Protein backbone atom coordinates (compact mmCIF):
# COMPACT_ATOMS: atom_id res chain seq x y z
CA MET A 1 61.51 -112.24 -113.25
CA THR A 2 59.54 -113.40 -116.46
CA GLU A 3 57.22 -115.79 -114.21
CA SER A 4 56.49 -113.07 -111.71
CA HIS A 5 55.40 -110.62 -114.51
CA ASP A 6 53.14 -113.16 -116.02
CA HIS A 7 51.58 -113.97 -112.76
CA ALA A 8 50.69 -110.30 -112.03
CA HIS A 9 49.22 -110.04 -115.54
CA GLU A 10 46.96 -112.82 -114.78
CA LEU A 11 45.76 -111.43 -111.59
CA VAL A 12 44.57 -108.08 -112.94
CA ASN A 13 43.06 -109.99 -116.20
CA VAL A 14 39.28 -109.14 -116.51
CA PRO A 15 37.03 -111.99 -117.49
CA ASP A 16 35.25 -111.41 -120.72
CA ASP A 17 31.40 -111.13 -120.90
CA ALA A 18 30.93 -114.78 -121.50
CA VAL A 19 32.78 -115.70 -118.25
CA VAL A 20 30.57 -112.96 -116.48
CA ASN A 21 27.47 -114.51 -117.96
CA ASP A 22 28.30 -117.74 -116.70
CA LEU A 23 28.95 -116.59 -113.40
CA TYR A 24 25.96 -114.45 -112.81
CA ALA A 25 23.21 -116.28 -114.82
CA ASN A 26 19.93 -114.46 -115.19
CA PRO A 27 17.57 -116.22 -112.61
CA GLY A 28 14.60 -115.31 -114.57
CA ILE A 29 11.01 -114.96 -112.90
CA PRO A 30 9.78 -117.57 -110.79
CA GLU A 31 7.18 -119.81 -111.91
CA HIS A 32 3.73 -117.80 -111.29
CA GLN A 33 1.91 -119.04 -108.14
CA TRP A 34 -2.00 -118.79 -108.79
CA ARG A 35 -4.22 -117.29 -106.27
CA PRO A 36 -7.40 -119.45 -104.76
CA THR A 37 -9.54 -116.68 -106.30
CA ASP A 38 -7.67 -117.28 -109.69
CA VAL A 39 -8.66 -120.86 -109.88
CA ASP A 40 -11.80 -121.54 -107.65
CA PRO A 41 -14.88 -119.68 -108.64
CA LYS A 42 -16.33 -119.82 -105.17
CA ALA A 43 -13.22 -118.49 -103.52
CA GLU A 44 -13.55 -115.59 -106.11
CA LYS A 45 -17.50 -114.90 -105.30
CA ARG A 46 -16.34 -115.17 -101.32
CA ALA A 47 -13.59 -112.65 -101.90
CA GLU A 48 -16.11 -110.46 -103.85
CA ARG A 49 -18.56 -110.64 -101.01
CA GLN A 50 -15.90 -109.99 -98.36
CA VAL A 51 -14.78 -106.64 -100.14
CA ALA A 52 -18.38 -105.45 -100.35
CA ALA A 53 -18.76 -106.06 -96.74
CA LEU A 54 -15.99 -103.99 -95.96
CA PHE A 55 -17.38 -101.23 -98.20
CA GLY A 56 -20.59 -101.68 -96.29
CA LEU A 57 -19.00 -101.42 -92.97
CA SER A 58 -17.48 -98.23 -94.12
CA ALA A 59 -20.82 -96.83 -95.27
CA LEU A 60 -22.19 -97.93 -91.94
CA CYS A 61 -19.55 -95.93 -89.68
CA THR A 62 -20.09 -92.91 -91.93
CA ILE A 63 -23.98 -93.05 -91.01
CA LEU A 64 -22.83 -93.55 -87.27
CA LEU A 65 -20.71 -90.54 -87.42
CA LEU A 66 -23.91 -88.71 -88.75
CA VAL A 67 -26.09 -89.99 -85.98
CA SER A 68 -23.00 -89.19 -83.30
CA TYR A 69 -23.20 -85.65 -84.57
CA PHE A 70 -26.76 -85.00 -83.94
CA VAL A 71 -27.32 -87.27 -80.80
CA PHE A 72 -24.44 -86.36 -78.24
CA ASP A 73 -24.76 -83.07 -76.83
CA ILE A 74 -21.85 -80.93 -76.38
CA GLY A 75 -23.39 -77.89 -74.80
CA ASP A 76 -22.93 -76.77 -71.14
CA ASP A 77 -23.73 -80.49 -70.00
CA PRO A 78 -22.12 -82.52 -72.65
CA ASP A 79 -22.44 -86.13 -72.75
CA VAL A 80 -19.55 -88.25 -71.49
CA VAL A 81 -18.46 -91.88 -72.02
CA GLY A 82 -15.64 -93.13 -69.80
CA GLY A 83 -14.47 -89.66 -68.84
CA LEU A 84 -14.38 -88.42 -72.70
CA GLY A 85 -16.70 -86.32 -74.31
CA ALA A 86 -19.19 -88.80 -76.19
CA SER A 87 -19.36 -86.41 -79.21
CA ASN A 88 -15.54 -86.17 -79.96
CA LEU A 89 -15.14 -89.85 -79.15
CA PHE A 90 -17.75 -91.29 -81.41
CA LEU A 91 -17.22 -88.98 -84.24
CA GLY A 92 -13.51 -89.87 -84.00
CA LEU A 93 -14.24 -93.71 -83.90
CA SER A 94 -16.71 -93.56 -86.44
CA LEU A 95 -14.64 -91.51 -88.87
CA ALA A 96 -11.62 -93.72 -88.35
CA GLY A 97 -13.77 -96.78 -88.96
CA ALA A 98 -15.40 -95.41 -92.18
CA LEU A 99 -11.67 -94.54 -93.61
CA LEU A 100 -10.14 -97.84 -92.31
CA PHE A 101 -12.86 -100.16 -93.67
CA LEU A 102 -12.65 -98.45 -97.06
CA GLY A 103 -8.97 -98.67 -97.30
CA ILE A 104 -9.00 -102.55 -96.13
CA GLY A 105 -11.87 -103.02 -98.92
CA ILE A 106 -9.56 -101.62 -101.61
CA ILE A 107 -6.52 -103.47 -100.58
CA GLN A 108 -8.70 -106.75 -100.44
CA TRP A 109 -9.90 -105.92 -103.72
CA ALA A 110 -6.68 -105.30 -105.31
CA ARG A 111 -4.71 -108.60 -103.69
CA LYS A 112 -7.75 -111.05 -104.43
CA LEU A 113 -9.48 -109.77 -107.30
CA MET A 114 -7.59 -107.78 -109.74
CA ALA A 115 -5.45 -108.93 -112.32
CA ASP A 116 -2.23 -110.80 -110.79
CA HIS A 117 0.69 -111.16 -113.00
CA GLU A 118 4.35 -110.36 -113.30
CA ILE A 119 5.78 -107.07 -115.32
CA VAL A 120 9.09 -106.50 -116.48
CA GLU A 121 10.03 -103.21 -117.37
CA ASP A 122 13.52 -101.97 -118.80
CA ARG A 123 14.90 -98.67 -117.56
CA HIS A 124 14.27 -95.83 -119.81
CA PRO A 125 14.95 -92.22 -120.15
CA ALA A 126 13.20 -89.60 -117.80
CA ALA A 127 11.67 -88.17 -120.77
CA SER A 128 9.11 -90.59 -122.17
CA SER A 129 8.66 -90.82 -125.94
CA THR A 130 5.31 -90.44 -127.62
CA GLU A 131 5.15 -94.14 -127.98
CA ASP A 132 5.92 -94.94 -124.07
CA ARG A 133 3.14 -92.25 -123.26
CA GLU A 134 0.47 -94.08 -125.46
CA ALA A 135 1.74 -97.65 -124.06
CA THR A 136 1.10 -96.09 -120.53
CA ILE A 137 -2.41 -95.14 -121.53
CA ALA A 138 -2.99 -98.49 -122.84
CA ALA A 139 -1.60 -100.33 -119.72
CA LEU A 140 -4.06 -97.94 -117.56
CA ASN A 141 -6.90 -99.13 -119.62
CA ALA A 142 -6.12 -102.58 -119.67
CA GLY A 143 -5.96 -102.04 -115.57
CA LEU A 144 -9.25 -100.77 -115.51
CA GLU A 145 -10.46 -103.67 -117.51
CA GLU A 146 -8.48 -106.01 -115.38
CA SER A 147 -9.85 -104.69 -112.12
CA GLY A 148 -12.96 -106.13 -113.34
CA ILE A 149 -15.11 -103.00 -111.77
CA GLY A 150 -17.29 -103.22 -115.18
CA ARG A 151 -18.15 -106.61 -114.49
CA ARG A 152 -18.23 -106.60 -110.72
CA PRO A 153 -21.39 -104.36 -110.02
CA LEU A 154 -21.53 -105.56 -106.50
CA VAL A 155 -17.70 -104.01 -105.63
CA ARG A 156 -18.20 -101.14 -107.70
CA ASN A 157 -21.69 -100.41 -106.33
CA SER A 158 -20.61 -100.70 -102.69
CA LEU A 159 -17.47 -98.55 -103.25
CA LEU A 160 -19.18 -95.79 -104.90
CA GLY A 161 -21.70 -95.85 -101.70
CA ALA A 162 -19.04 -95.80 -99.42
CA VAL A 163 -17.10 -92.93 -100.94
CA GLY A 164 -20.15 -91.11 -101.62
CA LEU A 165 -21.37 -91.17 -98.02
CA LEU A 166 -18.05 -90.10 -96.78
CA GLY A 167 -18.87 -86.85 -98.45
CA LEU A 168 -21.66 -85.86 -96.26
CA PRO A 169 -20.05 -85.53 -92.89
CA ALA A 170 -18.09 -82.60 -94.48
CA VAL A 171 -21.27 -80.98 -95.47
CA VAL A 172 -22.95 -81.38 -92.26
CA LEU A 173 -20.22 -80.33 -90.02
CA LEU A 174 -20.46 -76.94 -92.01
CA ARG A 175 -23.13 -76.39 -89.63
CA ASP A 176 -20.81 -75.76 -87.06
CA LEU A 177 -19.55 -72.49 -88.70
CA GLY A 178 -22.44 -71.01 -87.22
CA PRO A 179 -25.81 -69.14 -88.07
CA THR A 180 -25.95 -67.92 -91.54
CA PRO A 181 -25.72 -64.36 -92.55
CA ASN A 182 -29.34 -63.94 -93.14
CA GLN A 183 -30.59 -64.99 -89.73
CA VAL A 184 -32.22 -62.48 -87.62
CA LYS A 185 -30.13 -60.29 -85.48
CA ASN A 186 -29.85 -61.51 -82.00
CA SER A 187 -31.62 -64.67 -82.79
CA GLY A 188 -31.32 -67.83 -81.00
CA ASP A 189 -29.04 -68.69 -77.90
CA TYR A 190 -26.21 -66.22 -78.68
CA PRO A 191 -26.86 -62.59 -79.00
CA GLY A 192 -25.37 -61.03 -82.33
CA ALA A 193 -25.68 -64.58 -84.06
CA GLY A 194 -24.71 -64.57 -87.62
CA ILE A 195 -21.76 -63.79 -89.56
CA GLU A 196 -23.16 -59.98 -90.49
CA HIS A 197 -24.01 -59.31 -86.85
CA THR A 198 -22.44 -58.26 -83.57
CA LEU A 199 -23.59 -57.13 -80.07
CA TRP A 200 -23.31 -53.63 -81.36
CA LYS A 201 -26.43 -51.49 -81.61
CA LYS A 202 -27.34 -47.85 -81.18
CA GLY A 203 -27.11 -46.64 -77.79
CA MET A 204 -24.52 -49.43 -76.94
CA ARG A 205 -22.03 -48.10 -74.58
CA VAL A 206 -18.07 -48.45 -75.38
CA VAL A 207 -16.56 -50.00 -72.19
CA ARG A 208 -13.00 -50.85 -71.62
CA ASP A 209 -11.97 -54.69 -72.14
CA VAL A 210 -11.59 -56.90 -69.03
CA VAL A 211 -12.80 -54.22 -66.55
CA GLY A 212 -16.07 -53.02 -68.23
CA THR A 213 -16.00 -49.51 -67.04
CA PRO A 214 -17.46 -46.89 -69.60
CA ILE A 215 -15.51 -44.32 -71.30
CA ARG A 216 -15.76 -40.32 -71.33
CA PRO A 217 -14.09 -38.40 -73.99
CA GLY A 218 -12.38 -36.59 -71.45
CA ASP A 219 -10.50 -39.99 -70.08
CA LEU A 220 -8.42 -40.01 -73.46
CA GLU A 221 -5.56 -37.99 -74.36
CA ILE A 222 -4.10 -37.28 -77.88
CA GLY A 223 -2.32 -40.65 -78.93
CA ASP A 224 -4.12 -42.90 -76.52
CA LEU A 225 -5.40 -46.19 -77.73
CA VAL A 226 -7.80 -48.19 -75.63
CA ASN A 227 -9.00 -51.79 -76.20
CA ALA A 228 -12.83 -51.83 -75.83
CA GLU A 229 -15.97 -54.00 -75.89
CA PRO A 230 -19.75 -53.51 -76.01
CA GLU A 231 -21.24 -53.15 -72.75
CA ALA A 232 -23.42 -56.17 -73.44
CA ILE A 233 -20.32 -58.21 -72.84
CA PHE A 234 -20.87 -57.54 -69.26
CA ASN A 235 -24.61 -57.52 -68.89
CA GLY A 236 -25.98 -58.81 -72.13
CA GLY A 237 -26.91 -62.15 -70.61
CA ALA A 238 -30.17 -63.06 -68.87
CA ASP A 239 -31.41 -60.66 -66.16
CA GLY A 240 -28.62 -58.41 -67.00
CA GLU A 241 -25.85 -60.89 -65.83
CA PRO A 242 -22.63 -60.92 -67.89
CA LEU A 243 -22.42 -63.36 -70.81
CA GLU A 244 -20.67 -66.60 -70.37
CA GLY A 245 -19.23 -69.60 -72.07
CA VAL A 246 -19.69 -69.72 -75.71
CA ALA A 247 -22.08 -66.86 -75.99
CA LEU A 248 -19.23 -64.74 -74.36
CA GLN A 249 -16.63 -65.63 -76.73
CA ILE A 250 -18.82 -65.33 -79.77
CA GLY A 251 -19.70 -61.78 -78.51
CA LYS A 252 -16.02 -60.83 -77.86
CA SER A 253 -14.62 -62.35 -80.94
CA LYS A 254 -16.82 -59.94 -83.11
CA GLY A 255 -17.30 -57.12 -80.79
CA ALA A 256 -13.79 -56.22 -79.82
CA VAL A 257 -12.82 -52.76 -81.01
CA VAL A 258 -9.92 -50.08 -80.54
CA VAL A 259 -10.66 -46.42 -79.65
CA VAL A 260 -8.37 -44.00 -80.57
CA ARG A 261 -7.86 -40.15 -79.95
CA MET A 262 -5.87 -37.98 -82.48
CA GLU A 263 -6.42 -34.48 -83.43
CA PRO A 264 -9.66 -33.85 -85.28
CA ASP A 265 -8.20 -32.18 -88.12
CA GLU A 266 -5.78 -34.97 -88.69
CA ILE A 267 -8.83 -37.37 -89.52
CA THR A 268 -9.89 -37.69 -92.90
CA PRO A 269 -13.47 -39.12 -92.92
CA GLY A 270 -14.96 -41.62 -95.36
CA LYS A 271 -18.04 -40.30 -97.27
CA GLY A 272 -20.83 -40.45 -95.28
CA ARG A 273 -18.86 -40.44 -91.91
CA GLU A 274 -18.35 -37.01 -91.33
CA ASN A 275 -19.85 -37.17 -88.14
CA TRP A 276 -18.80 -40.71 -86.73
CA SER A 277 -15.95 -39.31 -84.60
CA VAL A 278 -16.38 -37.44 -81.32
CA ASP A 279 -13.54 -34.73 -80.28
CA GLY A 280 -10.97 -36.56 -82.71
CA ILE A 281 -12.10 -39.95 -81.20
CA VAL A 282 -12.34 -42.66 -83.63
CA CYS A 283 -13.63 -46.59 -83.08
CA TYR A 284 -12.48 -49.61 -85.45
CA SER A 285 -12.97 -53.27 -85.15
CA LYS A 286 -10.06 -54.91 -83.58
CA ILE A 287 -10.31 -57.88 -85.74
CA CYS A 288 -8.01 -57.80 -88.99
CA THR A 289 -9.77 -58.27 -92.26
CA HIS A 290 -7.19 -60.67 -93.63
CA VAL A 291 -7.40 -63.69 -91.38
CA GLY A 292 -9.07 -62.38 -88.23
CA CYS A 293 -6.18 -61.76 -86.03
CA PRO A 294 -6.70 -59.36 -82.87
CA ILE A 295 -4.55 -56.08 -83.70
CA SER A 296 -3.76 -53.10 -81.29
CA LEU A 297 0.05 -52.28 -82.23
CA TYR A 298 -0.44 -48.36 -82.92
CA GLU A 299 1.90 -45.95 -84.07
CA ARG A 300 0.75 -42.75 -82.68
CA THR A 301 2.53 -40.42 -85.01
CA THR A 302 1.39 -41.88 -88.10
CA HIS A 303 -1.87 -43.14 -86.79
CA HIS A 304 -0.75 -46.78 -88.36
CA LEU A 305 -2.26 -49.84 -86.45
CA LEU A 306 -0.29 -52.92 -87.32
CA CYS A 307 -1.25 -56.63 -87.45
CA PRO A 308 1.40 -58.81 -85.57
CA CYS A 309 0.30 -61.98 -87.74
CA HIS A 310 1.00 -60.84 -91.31
CA GLN A 311 1.85 -57.04 -91.22
CA SER A 312 -1.29 -55.72 -92.67
CA THR A 313 -1.03 -52.02 -91.81
CA PHE A 314 -4.27 -49.55 -91.44
CA ASP A 315 -4.37 -45.84 -91.37
CA LEU A 316 -6.79 -44.97 -88.65
CA ALA A 317 -6.56 -41.35 -89.73
CA ASP A 318 -8.18 -42.08 -93.08
CA SER A 319 -10.85 -44.58 -92.62
CA ALA A 320 -8.57 -47.55 -91.57
CA LYS A 321 -7.49 -48.01 -95.18
CA VAL A 322 -4.94 -50.76 -95.89
CA VAL A 323 -1.40 -49.16 -96.38
CA PHE A 324 0.70 -52.12 -96.51
CA GLY A 325 0.02 -55.82 -96.14
CA PRO A 326 -2.31 -58.82 -97.29
CA ALA A 327 -5.62 -57.57 -95.81
CA ALA A 328 -8.27 -56.93 -98.62
CA ARG A 329 -10.13 -54.28 -96.96
CA PRO A 330 -10.30 -51.47 -94.50
CA LEU A 331 -11.31 -52.27 -90.75
CA PRO A 332 -14.94 -51.66 -90.18
CA GLN A 333 -15.68 -48.46 -88.29
CA LEU A 334 -18.10 -47.79 -85.37
CA PRO A 335 -19.95 -44.76 -85.40
CA LEU A 336 -19.88 -42.87 -82.11
CA GLU A 337 -21.57 -40.41 -80.07
CA VAL A 338 -22.09 -39.38 -76.57
CA ASP A 339 -25.05 -40.26 -74.51
CA ASP A 340 -26.89 -37.96 -71.77
CA GLU A 341 -24.48 -38.95 -69.32
CA GLY A 342 -21.20 -38.16 -70.98
CA TYR A 343 -20.28 -41.48 -72.04
CA LEU A 344 -19.02 -43.00 -75.58
CA VAL A 345 -21.79 -44.76 -77.02
CA ALA A 346 -22.35 -46.44 -80.71
CA SER A 347 -24.62 -44.10 -82.72
CA ASP A 348 -25.30 -47.33 -84.82
CA ALA A 349 -24.29 -50.75 -85.36
CA PHE A 350 -21.28 -51.65 -87.94
CA ASP A 351 -22.58 -51.19 -91.28
CA GLU A 352 -20.58 -53.92 -92.77
CA PRO A 353 -19.27 -57.52 -91.36
CA VAL A 354 -16.33 -57.65 -89.32
CA GLY A 355 -13.42 -60.01 -89.43
CA PRO A 356 -11.88 -61.93 -92.49
CA SER A 357 -13.13 -60.94 -95.94
CA PHE A 358 -15.15 -63.50 -97.83
CA TRP A 359 -16.42 -64.00 -101.44
CA GLU A 360 -19.81 -62.36 -100.70
CA ARG A 361 -18.23 -59.03 -99.52
CA GLY A 362 -17.93 -56.09 -102.03
């Protein structure tokens, strides 16, 4: 019994620290292997030229992006390469090349030219001490010094040039947002061009969406809501033909309206808008002033119009004021009157821009 007990005691005996250290000796850090660029000045210069060349290729790709943007046609007869749109193809390839060469250049710079030595850091609490923060800042400053950016003007200047050029496409591509608000009404290829303009003008008939039929006040009953468009959508093109393509989409996206009929005494007109309705018929932009969703969810008893995207709610009986949701301003109202043939027409254009709000709007 004694021998068995002693043997069991030996099995559960834990080795002391000295034994553990002997069994699991610290292997230490392997001997440092110097890179060719650390010991050979020619290899260092060669690597520096390689990095600069990669940054230069990045800059060249950025220039090609700008050239592609202006050279290739994206209109009704776009340029095609291999069955693909040339503009999208070359814009994508050139932007990919600019970012790829810039990334490879930075990686090569770090691998071949920045300081190369091992760092051992003991674990520390999550909350760093003041001394640790000061040491970190010192290490960052040391890293900047060891990167050699101050004494390698070729690498530094080529990097700054490549990164700087990457900002130009963002500026140039803003041109696709369309004509500026200061451009002349109905200028250029698209009627109603510019942020502040639409197809609506004095005397323009209000017609039903899709079918394009004009609307008489007698066609609408109390509580009716009709999705409508300016008549120019259907005959505003060359020789009185319907608009097509981009011009059609631009016209519809800004000119869409809703026409609602309610009891005249239920309408609270805004200041100066006392004669903007016809027998209880009011007309407002269909484009939500939050982010531009088309809206037509109408609750006839409250005269509330609900946007399905973010639940902005407008009171059409009270100048389409916002009663709920993130929209920042009321829906723009289109003033109405009746023409000589008895059809609803705009007595003037919108007196404010339609669609989402932006910083220039009061």
